[in-house]
């Protein structure tokens, strides 16, 4: 299930709480802002993948990096930045 920035993070949190955690996982588009990073931080086991413009200076990539490291989450990070411009940022923040 792809959750995009057009959805409200609070509504998605409700959806997460009402779905079966053994069969329902989420691909979250983090471009919506900090509330989406908080949603991930509260639900790392329900998050299959995350997509964000990691190279965008307005995106809180360091906050996401701290949440990923804190939860020891291992899955897919999808770079939505044009032209691979965020490769250096991702290497630094996520040690990849």
PDB file of N, CA and C in Angstrom:
ATOM      1  N   UNK A   1       0.848  -1.158   0.000  1.00  0.00           N
ATOM      2  CA  UNK A   1       0.000   0.000   0.000  1.00  0.00           C
ATOM      3  C   UNK A   1       0.899   1.228   0.000  1.00  0.00           C
ATOM      4  N   UNK A   2       0.749   2.118  -0.962  1.00  0.00           N
ATOM      5  CA  UNK A   2       1.536   3.343  -1.028  1.00  0.00           C
ATOM      6  C   UNK A   2       0.748   4.464  -0.379  1.00  0.00           C
ATOM      7  N   UNK A   3       1.343   5.081   0.629  1.00  0.00           N
ATOM      8  CA  UNK A   3       0.733   6.212   1.305  1.00  0.00           C
ATOM      9  C   UNK A   3       1.479   7.452   0.836  1.00  0.00           C
ATOM     10  N   UNK A   4       0.780   8.395   0.246  1.00  0.00           N
ATOM     11  CA  UNK A   4       1.440   9.568  -0.305  1.00  0.00           C
ATOM     12  C   UNK A   4       1.221  10.804   0.557  1.00  0.00           C
ATOM     13  N   UNK A   5       1.948  11.855   0.215  1.00  0.00           N
ATOM     14  CA  UNK A   5       1.878  13.094   0.980  1.00  0.00           C
ATOM     15  C   UNK A   5       0.500  13.739   0.920  1.00  0.00           C
ATOM     16  N   UNK A   6      -0.347  13.359  -0.029  1.00  0.00           N
ATOM     17  CA  UNK A   6      -1.682  13.928  -0.092  1.00  0.00           C
ATOM     18  C   UNK A   6      -2.568  13.399   1.041  1.00  0.00           C
ATOM     19  N   UNK A   7      -2.218  12.283   1.601  1.00  0.00           N
ATOM     20  CA  UNK A   7      -2.964  11.721   2.728  1.00  0.00           C
ATOM     21  C   UNK A   7      -2.532  12.438   4.002  1.00  0.00           C
ATOM     22  N   UNK A   8      -3.366  12.382   5.008  1.00  0.00           N
ATOM     23  CA  UNK A   8      -3.067  12.996   6.297  1.00  0.00           C
ATOM     24  C   UNK A   8      -2.384  11.947   7.177  1.00  0.00           C
ATOM     25  N   UNK A   9      -1.254  12.295   7.784  1.00  0.00           N
ATOM     26  CA  UNK A   9      -0.486  11.336   8.591  1.00  0.00           C
ATOM     27  C   UNK A   9      -1.310  10.777   9.746  1.00  0.00           C
ATOM     28  N   UNK A  10      -2.166  11.592  10.335  1.00  0.00           N
ATOM     29  CA  UNK A  10      -3.002  11.123  11.445  1.00  0.00           C
ATOM     30  C   UNK A  10      -3.998  10.072  10.974  1.00  0.00           C
ATOM     31  N   UNK A  11      -4.581  10.280   9.790  1.00  0.00           N
ATOM     32  CA  UNK A  11      -5.502   9.285   9.233  1.00  0.00           C
ATOM     33  C   UNK A  11      -4.778   7.984   8.919  1.00  0.00           C
ATOM     34  N   UNK A  12      -3.556   8.100   8.415  1.00  0.00           N
ATOM     35  CA  UNK A  12      -2.771   6.906   8.090  1.00  0.00           C
ATOM     36  C   UNK A  12      -2.405   6.154   9.366  1.00  0.00           C
ATOM     37  N   UNK A  13      -2.096   6.882  10.433  1.00  0.00           N
ATOM     38  CA  UNK A  13      -1.816   6.231  11.719  1.00  0.00           C
ATOM     39  C   UNK A  13      -3.028   5.422  12.163  1.00  0.00           C
ATOM     40  N   UNK A  14      -4.227   5.963  11.958  1.00  0.00           N
ATOM     41  CA  UNK A  14      -5.449   5.222  12.269  1.00  0.00           C
ATOM     42  C   UNK A  14      -5.598   3.988  11.400  1.00  0.00           C
ATOM     43  N   UNK A  15      -5.253   4.112  10.133  1.00  0.00           N
ATOM     44  CA  UNK A  15      -5.305   2.972   9.213  1.00  0.00           C
ATOM     45  C   UNK A  15      -4.326   1.884   9.660  1.00  0.00           C
ATOM     46  N   UNK A  16      -3.135   2.294  10.047  1.00  0.00           N
ATOM     47  CA  UNK A  16      -2.147   1.337  10.531  1.00  0.00           C
ATOM     48  C   UNK A  16      -2.679   0.589  11.751  1.00  0.00           C
ATOM     49  N   UNK A  17      -3.330   1.311  12.646  1.00  0.00           N
ATOM     50  CA  UNK A  17      -3.828   0.672  13.874  1.00  0.00           C
ATOM     51  C   UNK A  17      -5.007  -0.267  13.617  1.00  0.00           C
ATOM     52  N   UNK A  18      -5.697  -0.087  12.473  1.00  0.00           N
ATOM     53  CA  UNK A  18      -6.871  -0.924  12.187  1.00  0.00           C
ATOM     54  C   UNK A  18      -6.603  -2.042  11.193  1.00  0.00           C
ATOM     55  N   UNK A  19      -5.367  -2.191  10.737  1.00  0.00           N
ATOM     56  CA  UNK A  19      -5.065  -3.252   9.774  1.00  0.00           C
ATOM     57  C   UNK A  19      -4.220  -4.335  10.417  1.00  0.00           C
ATOM     58  N   UNK A  20      -4.244  -5.510   9.826  1.00  0.00           N
ATOM     59  CA  UNK A  20      -3.543  -6.671  10.359  1.00  0.00           C
ATOM     60  C   UNK A  20      -2.034  -6.516  10.172  1.00  0.00           C
ATOM     61  N   UNK A  21      -1.319  -6.429  11.297  1.00  0.00           N
ATOM     62  CA  UNK A  21       0.128  -6.183  11.218  1.00  0.00           C
ATOM     63  C   UNK A  21       0.910  -7.358  10.654  1.00  0.00           C
ATOM     64  N   UNK A  22       0.300  -8.530  10.573  1.00  0.00           N
ATOM     65  CA  UNK A  22       1.024  -9.682  10.027  1.00  0.00           C
ATOM     66  C   UNK A  22       0.946  -9.746   8.501  1.00  0.00           C
ATOM     67  N   UNK A  23       0.048  -8.961   7.895  1.00  0.00           N
ATOM     68  CA  UNK A  23      -0.077  -9.025   6.434  1.00  0.00           C
ATOM     69  C   UNK A  23      -0.096  -7.661   5.740  1.00  0.00           C
ATOM     70  N   UNK A  24      -0.148  -6.562   6.482  1.00  0.00           N
ATOM     71  CA  UNK A  24      -0.246  -5.245   5.865  1.00  0.00           C
ATOM     72  C   UNK A  24       0.961  -4.397   6.238  1.00  0.00           C
ATOM     73  N   UNK A  25       1.717  -4.007   5.214  1.00  0.00           N
ATOM     74  CA  UNK A  25       2.901  -3.171   5.384  1.00  0.00           C
ATOM     75  C   UNK A  25       2.756  -1.960   4.477  1.00  0.00           C
ATOM     76  N   UNK A  26       3.473  -0.910   4.771  1.00  0.00           N
ATOM     77  CA  UNK A  26       3.277   0.345   4.073  1.00  0.00           C
ATOM     78  C   UNK A  26       4.543   0.834   3.401  1.00  0.00           C
ATOM     79  N   UNK A  27       4.360   1.419   2.220  1.00  0.00           N
ATOM     80  CA  UNK A  27       5.402   2.131   1.487  1.00  0.00           C
ATOM     81  C   UNK A  27       5.026   3.601   1.650  1.00  0.00           C
ATOM     82  N   UNK A  28       5.811   4.343   2.404  1.00  0.00           N
ATOM     83  CA  UNK A  28       5.437   5.707   2.775  1.00  0.00           C
ATOM     84  C   UNK A  28       6.254   6.728   1.990  1.00  0.00           C
ATOM     85  N   UNK A  29       5.549   7.666   1.356  1.00  0.00           N
ATOM     86  CA  UNK A  29       6.172   8.787   0.671  1.00  0.00           C
ATOM     87  C   UNK A  29       6.400   9.879   1.711  1.00  0.00           C
ATOM     88  N   UNK A  30       7.642  10.108   2.082  1.00  0.00           N
ATOM     89  CA  UNK A  30       7.986  11.025   3.165  1.00  0.00           C
ATOM     90  C   UNK A  30       8.041  12.495   2.756  1.00  0.00           C
ATOM     91  N   UNK A  31       7.748  12.807   1.512  1.00  0.00           N
ATOM     92  CA  UNK A  31       7.849  14.188   1.039  1.00  0.00           C
ATOM     93  C   UNK A  31       6.882  15.126   1.758  1.00  0.00           C
ATOM     94  N   UNK A  32       5.920  14.590   2.483  1.00  0.00           N
ATOM     95  CA  UNK A  32       4.937  15.406   3.185  1.00  0.00           C
ATOM     96  C   UNK A  32       5.463  16.135   4.399  1.00  0.00           C
ATOM     97  N   UNK A  33       6.611  15.769   4.924  1.00  0.00           N
ATOM     98  CA  UNK A  33       7.181  16.503   6.042  1.00  0.00           C
ATOM     99  C   UNK A  33       7.471  15.660   7.266  1.00  0.00           C
ATOM    100  N   UNK A  34       7.765  16.364   8.359  1.00  0.00           N
ATOM    101  CA  UNK A  34       8.220  15.727   9.597  1.00  0.00           C
ATOM    102  C   UNK A  34       7.186  14.782  10.195  1.00  0.00           C
ATOM    103  N   UNK A  35       5.894  15.054  10.014  1.00  0.00           N
ATOM    104  CA  UNK A  35       4.884  14.156  10.587  1.00  0.00           C
ATOM    105  C   UNK A  35       4.959  12.757   9.991  1.00  0.00           C
ATOM    106  N   UNK A  36       5.462  12.654   8.764  1.00  0.00           N
ATOM    107  CA  UNK A  36       5.614  11.337   8.141  1.00  0.00           C
ATOM    108  C   UNK A  36       6.814  10.589   8.733  1.00  0.00           C
ATOM    109  N   UNK A  37       7.863  11.314   9.080  1.00  0.00           N
ATOM    110  CA  UNK A  37       9.011  10.696   9.742  1.00  0.00           C
ATOM    111  C   UNK A  37       8.580  10.198  11.119  1.00  0.00           C
ATOM    112  N   UNK A  38       7.766  10.978  11.823  1.00  0.00           N
ATOM    113  CA  UNK A  38       7.241  10.549  13.130  1.00  0.00           C
ATOM    114  C   UNK A  38       6.362   9.315  12.972  1.00  0.00           C
ATOM    115  N   UNK A  39       5.560   9.263  11.903  1.00  0.00           N
ATOM    116  CA  UNK A  39       4.721   8.087  11.649  1.00  0.00           C
ATOM    117  C   UNK A  39       5.590   6.849  11.474  1.00  0.00           C
ATOM    118  N   UNK A  40       6.681   6.979  10.710  1.00  0.00           N
ATOM    119  CA  UNK A  40       7.620   5.864  10.553  1.00  0.00           C
ATOM    120  C   UNK A  40       8.225   5.485  11.898  1.00  0.00           C
ATOM    121  N   UNK A  41       8.700   6.478  12.646  1.00  0.00           N
ATOM    122  CA  UNK A  41       9.357   6.221  13.933  1.00  0.00           C
ATOM    123  C   UNK A  41       8.434   5.436  14.874  1.00  0.00           C
ATOM    124  N   UNK A  42       7.142   5.709  14.811  1.00  0.00           N
ATOM    125  CA  UNK A  42       6.170   5.016  15.659  1.00  0.00           C
ATOM    126  C   UNK A  42       5.775   3.648  15.115  1.00  0.00           C
ATOM    127  N   UNK A  43       6.057   3.388  13.832  1.00  0.00           N
ATOM    128  CA  UNK A  43       5.601   2.147  13.191  1.00  0.00           C
ATOM    129  C   UNK A  43       6.659   1.525  12.291  1.00  0.00           C
ATOM    130  N   UNK A  44       7.894   1.352  12.749  1.00  0.00           N
ATOM    131  CA  UNK A  44       8.926   0.838  11.844  1.00  0.00           C
ATOM    132  C   UNK A  44       8.649  -0.582  11.352  1.00  0.00           C
ATOM    133  N   UNK A  45       8.035  -1.403  12.170  1.00  0.00           N
ATOM    134  CA  UNK A  45       7.776  -2.783  11.751  1.00  0.00           C
ATOM    135  C   UNK A  45       6.671  -2.873  10.702  1.00  0.00           C
ATOM    136  N   UNK A  46       5.897  -1.812  10.541  1.00  0.00           N
ATOM    137  CA  UNK A  46       4.820  -1.788   9.541  1.00  0.00           C
ATOM    138  C   UNK A  46       5.264  -1.101   8.255  1.00  0.00           C
ATOM    139  N   UNK A  47       6.500  -0.585   8.245  1.00  0.00           N
ATOM    140  CA  UNK A  47       6.999   0.170   7.100  1.00  0.00           C
ATOM    141  C   UNK A  47       7.877  -0.728   6.241  1.00  0.00           C
ATOM    142  N   UNK A  48       7.397  -1.002   5.016  1.00  0.00           N
ATOM    143  CA  UNK A  48       8.140  -1.838   4.080  1.00  0.00           C
ATOM    144  C   UNK A  48       9.194  -1.012   3.347  1.00  0.00           C
ATOM    145  N   UNK A  49       8.820   0.195   2.959  1.00  0.00           N
ATOM    146  CA  UNK A  49       9.724   1.060   2.213  1.00  0.00           C
ATOM    147  C   UNK A  49       9.362   2.517   2.466  1.00  0.00           C
ATOM    148  N   UNK A  50      10.338   3.398   2.203  1.00  0.00           N
ATOM    149  CA  UNK A  50      10.102   4.834   2.301  1.00  0.00           C
ATOM    150  C   UNK A  50      10.711   5.508   1.092  1.00  0.00           C
ATOM    151  N   UNK A  51       9.999   6.496   0.592  1.00  0.00           N
ATOM    152  CA  UNK A  51      10.459   7.255  -0.564  1.00  0.00           C
ATOM    153  C   UNK A  51      10.541   8.720  -0.169  1.00  0.00           C
ATOM    154  N   UNK A  52      11.629   9.375  -0.551  1.00  0.00           N
ATOM    155  CA  UNK A  52      11.811  10.789  -0.217  1.00  0.00           C
ATOM    156  C   UNK A  52      12.825  11.429  -1.150  1.00  0.00           C
ATOM    157  N   UNK A  53      12.779  12.757  -1.254  1.00  0.00           N
ATOM    158  CA  UNK A  53      13.792  13.486  -2.020  1.00  0.00           C
ATOM    159  C   UNK A  53      15.005  13.743  -1.129  1.00  0.00           C
ATOM    160  N   UNK A  54      15.819  12.735  -0.912  1.00  0.00           N
ATOM    161  CA  UNK A  54      16.917  12.819   0.042  1.00  0.00           C
ATOM    162  C   UNK A  54      17.907  13.936  -0.262  1.00  0.00           C
ATOM    163  N   UNK A  55      18.017  14.356  -1.505  1.00  0.00           N
ATOM    164  CA  UNK A  55      18.941  15.416  -1.867  1.00  0.00           C
ATOM    165  C   UNK A  55      18.369  16.813  -1.685  1.00  0.00           C
ATOM    166  N   UNK A  56      17.087  16.930  -1.376  1.00  0.00           N
ATOM    167  CA  UNK A  56      16.436  18.223  -1.182  1.00  0.00           C
ATOM    168  C   UNK A  56      16.852  18.794   0.167  1.00  0.00           C
ATOM    169  N   UNK A  57      17.433  19.989   0.171  1.00  0.00           N
ATOM    170  CA  UNK A  57      17.926  20.571   1.427  1.00  0.00           C
ATOM    171  C   UNK A  57      16.805  20.844   2.423  1.00  0.00           C
ATOM    172  N   UNK A  58      15.559  20.939   1.959  1.00  0.00           N
ATOM    173  CA  UNK A  58      14.429  21.182   2.866  1.00  0.00           C
ATOM    174  C   UNK A  58      13.984  19.903   3.566  1.00  0.00           C
ATOM    175  N   UNK A  59      14.335  18.744   3.010  1.00  0.00           N
ATOM    176  CA  UNK A  59      13.931  17.472   3.612  1.00  0.00           C
ATOM    177  C   UNK A  59      14.787  17.182   4.839  1.00  0.00           C
ATOM    178  N   UNK A  60      14.187  16.721   5.893  1.00  0.00           N
ATOM    179  CA  UNK A  60      14.879  16.476   7.165  1.00  0.00           C
ATOM    180  C   UNK A  60      15.545  15.092   7.151  1.00  0.00           C
ATOM    181  N   UNK A  61      16.538  14.935   6.273  1.00  0.00           N
ATOM    182  CA  UNK A  61      17.184  13.640   6.088  1.00  0.00           C
ATOM    183  C   UNK A  61      17.927  13.184   7.341  1.00  0.00           C
ATOM    184  N   UNK A  62      18.500  14.109   8.104  1.00  0.00           N
ATOM    185  CA  UNK A  62      19.223  13.718   9.316  1.00  0.00           C
ATOM    186  C   UNK A  62      18.257  13.211  10.391  1.00  0.00           C
ATOM    187  N   UNK A  63      17.061  13.808  10.447  1.00  0.00           N
ATOM    188  CA  UNK A  63      16.038  13.340  11.384  1.00  0.00           C
ATOM    189  C   UNK A  63      15.588  11.928  11.006  1.00  0.00           C
ATOM    190  N   UNK A  64      15.406  11.691   9.707  1.00  0.00           N
ATOM    191  CA  UNK A  64      15.045  10.345   9.252  1.00  0.00           C
ATOM    192  C   UNK A  64      16.181   9.367   9.541  1.00  0.00           C
ATOM    193  N   UNK A  65      17.415   9.777   9.281  1.00  0.00           N
ATOM    194  CA  UNK A  65      18.569   8.909   9.549  1.00  0.00           C
ATOM    195  C   UNK A  65      18.635   8.501  11.007  1.00  0.00           C
ATOM    196  N   UNK A  66      18.381   9.441  11.912  1.00  0.00           N
ATOM    197  CA  UNK A  66      18.385   9.133  13.348  1.00  0.00           C
ATOM    198  C   UNK A  66      17.274   8.145  13.692  1.00  0.00           C
ATOM    199  N   UNK A  67      16.096   8.310  13.080  1.00  0.00           N
ATOM    200  CA  UNK A  67      14.978   7.393  13.347  1.00  0.00           C
ATOM    201  C   UNK A  67      15.277   5.997  12.815  1.00  0.00           C
ATOM    202  N   UNK A  68      15.874   5.923  11.635  1.00  0.00           N
ATOM    203  CA  UNK A  68      16.234   4.621  11.053  1.00  0.00           C
ATOM    204  C   UNK A  68      17.254   3.909  11.935  1.00  0.00           C
ATOM    205  N   UNK A  69      18.268   4.620  12.368  1.00  0.00           N
ATOM    206  CA  UNK A  69      19.295   4.016  13.221  1.00  0.00           C
ATOM    207  C   UNK A  69      18.729   3.617  14.579  1.00  0.00           C
ATOM    208  N   UNK A  70      17.880   4.472  15.167  1.00  0.00           N
ATOM    209  CA  UNK A  70      17.293   4.188  16.475  1.00  0.00           C
ATOM    210  C   UNK A  70      16.412   2.934  16.447  1.00  0.00           C
ATOM    211  N   UNK A  71      15.633   2.778  15.381  1.00  0.00           N
ATOM    212  CA  UNK A  71      14.720   1.627  15.290  1.00  0.00           C
ATOM    213  C   UNK A  71      15.388   0.394  14.693  1.00  0.00           C
ATOM    214  N   UNK A  72      16.631   0.577  14.184  1.00  0.00           N
ATOM    215  CA  UNK A  72      17.370  -0.518  13.521  1.00  0.00           C
ATOM    216  C   UNK A  72      16.582  -1.089  12.346  1.00  0.00           C
ATOM    217  N   UNK A  73      15.868  -0.206  11.670  1.00  0.00           N
ATOM    218  CA  UNK A  73      15.034  -0.574  10.531  1.00  0.00           C
ATOM    219  C   UNK A  73      15.897  -0.938   9.341  1.00  0.00           C
ATOM    220  N   UNK A  74      15.573  -2.042   8.690  1.00  0.00           N
ATOM    221  CA  UNK A  74      16.294  -2.472   7.494  1.00  0.00           C
ATOM    222  C   UNK A  74      15.264  -2.805   6.431  1.00  0.00           C
ATOM    223  N   UNK A  75      15.224  -1.993   5.396  1.00  0.00           N
ATOM    224  CA  UNK A  75      14.347  -2.254   4.266  1.00  0.00           C
ATOM    225  C   UNK A  75      14.713  -1.299   3.150  1.00  0.00           C
ATOM    226  N   UNK A  76      13.743  -0.840   2.377  1.00  0.00           N
ATOM    227  CA  UNK A  76      13.998  -0.060   1.180  1.00  0.00           C
ATOM    228  C   UNK A  76      13.853   1.432   1.407  1.00  0.00           C
ATOM    229  N   UNK A  77      14.888   2.189   1.024  1.00  0.00           N
ATOM    230  CA  UNK A  77      14.829   3.637   0.934  1.00  0.00           C
ATOM    231  C   UNK A  77      14.881   3.962  -0.551  1.00  0.00           C
ATOM    232  N   UNK A  78      13.886   4.655  -1.032  1.00  0.00           N
ATOM    233  CA  UNK A  78      13.793   4.978  -2.457  1.00  0.00           C
ATOM    234  C   UNK A  78      14.056   6.460  -2.633  1.00  0.00           C
ATOM    235  N   UNK A  79      15.081   6.793  -3.400  1.00  0.00           N
ATOM    236  CA  UNK A  79      15.459   8.180  -3.617  1.00  0.00           C
ATOM    237  C   UNK A  79      14.580   8.803  -4.699  1.00  0.00           C
ATOM    238  N   UNK A  80      13.834   9.837  -4.339  1.00  0.00           N
ATOM    239  CA  UNK A  80      12.967  10.530  -5.283  1.00  0.00           C
ATOM    240  C   UNK A  80      13.616  11.799  -5.835  1.00  0.00           C
ATOM    241  N   UNK A  81      14.898  11.995  -5.550  1.00  0.00           N
ATOM    242  CA  UNK A  81      15.605  13.177  -6.060  1.00  0.00           C
ATOM    243  C   UNK A  81      15.936  12.979  -7.534  1.00  0.00           C
ATOM    244  N   UNK A  82      15.811  14.030  -8.327  1.00  0.00           N
ATOM    245  CA  UNK A  82      16.134  13.894  -9.746  1.00  0.00           C
ATOM    246  C   UNK A  82      17.636  13.732  -9.975  1.00  0.00           C
ATOM    247  N   UNK A  83      17.997  12.857 -10.874  1.00  0.00           N
ATOM    248  CA  UNK A  83      19.381  12.732 -11.308  1.00  0.00           C
ATOM    249  C   UNK A  83      20.369  12.153 -10.316  1.00  0.00           C
ATOM    250  N   UNK A  84      19.921  11.497  -9.279  1.00  0.00           N
ATOM    251  CA  UNK A  84      20.825  10.882  -8.327  1.00  0.00           C
ATOM    252  C   UNK A  84      21.648  11.870  -7.526  1.00  0.00           C
ATOM    253  N   UNK A  85      21.177  13.116  -7.410  1.00  0.00           N
ATOM    254  CA  UNK A  85      21.947  14.159  -6.724  1.00  0.00           C
ATOM    255  C   UNK A  85      22.123  13.907  -5.241  1.00  0.00           C
ATOM    256  N   UNK A  86      21.372  12.990  -4.677  1.00  0.00           N
ATOM    257  CA  UNK A  86      21.431  12.768  -3.236  1.00  0.00           C
ATOM    258  C   UNK A  86      22.350  11.621  -2.840  1.00  0.00           C
ATOM    259  N   UNK A  87      23.050  11.052  -3.769  1.00  0.00           N
ATOM    260  CA  UNK A  87      23.909   9.898  -3.461  1.00  0.00           C
ATOM    261  C   UNK A  87      24.876  10.187  -2.309  1.00  0.00           C
ATOM    262  N   UNK A  88      25.526  11.326  -2.324  1.00  0.00           N
ATOM    263  CA  UNK A  88      26.464  11.687  -1.263  1.00  0.00           C
ATOM    264  C   UNK A  88      25.780  11.872   0.076  1.00  0.00           C
ATOM    265  N   UNK A  89      24.593  12.468   0.052  1.00  0.00           N
ATOM    266  CA  UNK A  89      23.825  12.667   1.293  1.00  0.00           C
ATOM    267  C   UNK A  89      23.457  11.321   1.905  1.00  0.00           C
ATOM    268  N   UNK A  90      22.978  10.413   1.080  1.00  0.00           N
ATOM    269  CA  UNK A  90      22.561   9.092   1.576  1.00  0.00           C
ATOM    270  C   UNK A  90      23.754   8.327   2.134  1.00  0.00           C
ATOM    271  N   UNK A  91      24.899   8.412   1.472  1.00  0.00           N
ATOM    272  CA  UNK A  91      26.096   7.730   1.986  1.00  0.00           C
ATOM    273  C   UNK A  91      26.456   8.248   3.367  1.00  0.00           C
ATOM    274  N   UNK A  92      26.407   9.576   3.526  1.00  0.00           N
ATOM    275  CA  UNK A  92      26.781  10.188   4.789  1.00  0.00           C
ATOM    276  C   UNK A  92      25.785   9.861   5.905  1.00  0.00           C
ATOM    277  N   UNK A  93      24.505  10.021   5.640  1.00  0.00           N
ATOM    278  CA  UNK A  93      23.476   9.864   6.666  1.00  0.00           C
ATOM    279  C   UNK A  93      23.205   8.396   7.000  1.00  0.00           C
ATOM    280  N   UNK A  94      23.127   7.556   5.976  1.00  0.00           N
ATOM    281  CA  UNK A  94      22.743   6.162   6.176  1.00  0.00           C
ATOM    282  C   UNK A  94      23.905   5.188   6.103  1.00  0.00           C
ATOM    283  N   UNK A  95      25.115   5.682   5.913  1.00  0.00           N
ATOM    284  CA  UNK A  95      26.313   4.835   5.859  1.00  0.00           C
ATOM    285  C   UNK A  95      26.201   3.753   4.806  1.00  0.00           C
ATOM    286  N   UNK A  96      25.747   4.139   3.597  1.00  0.00           N
ATOM    287  CA  UNK A  96      25.623   3.165   2.510  1.00  0.00           C
ATOM    288  C   UNK A  96      26.569   3.488   1.388  1.00  0.00           C
TER     289      UNK A  96
END
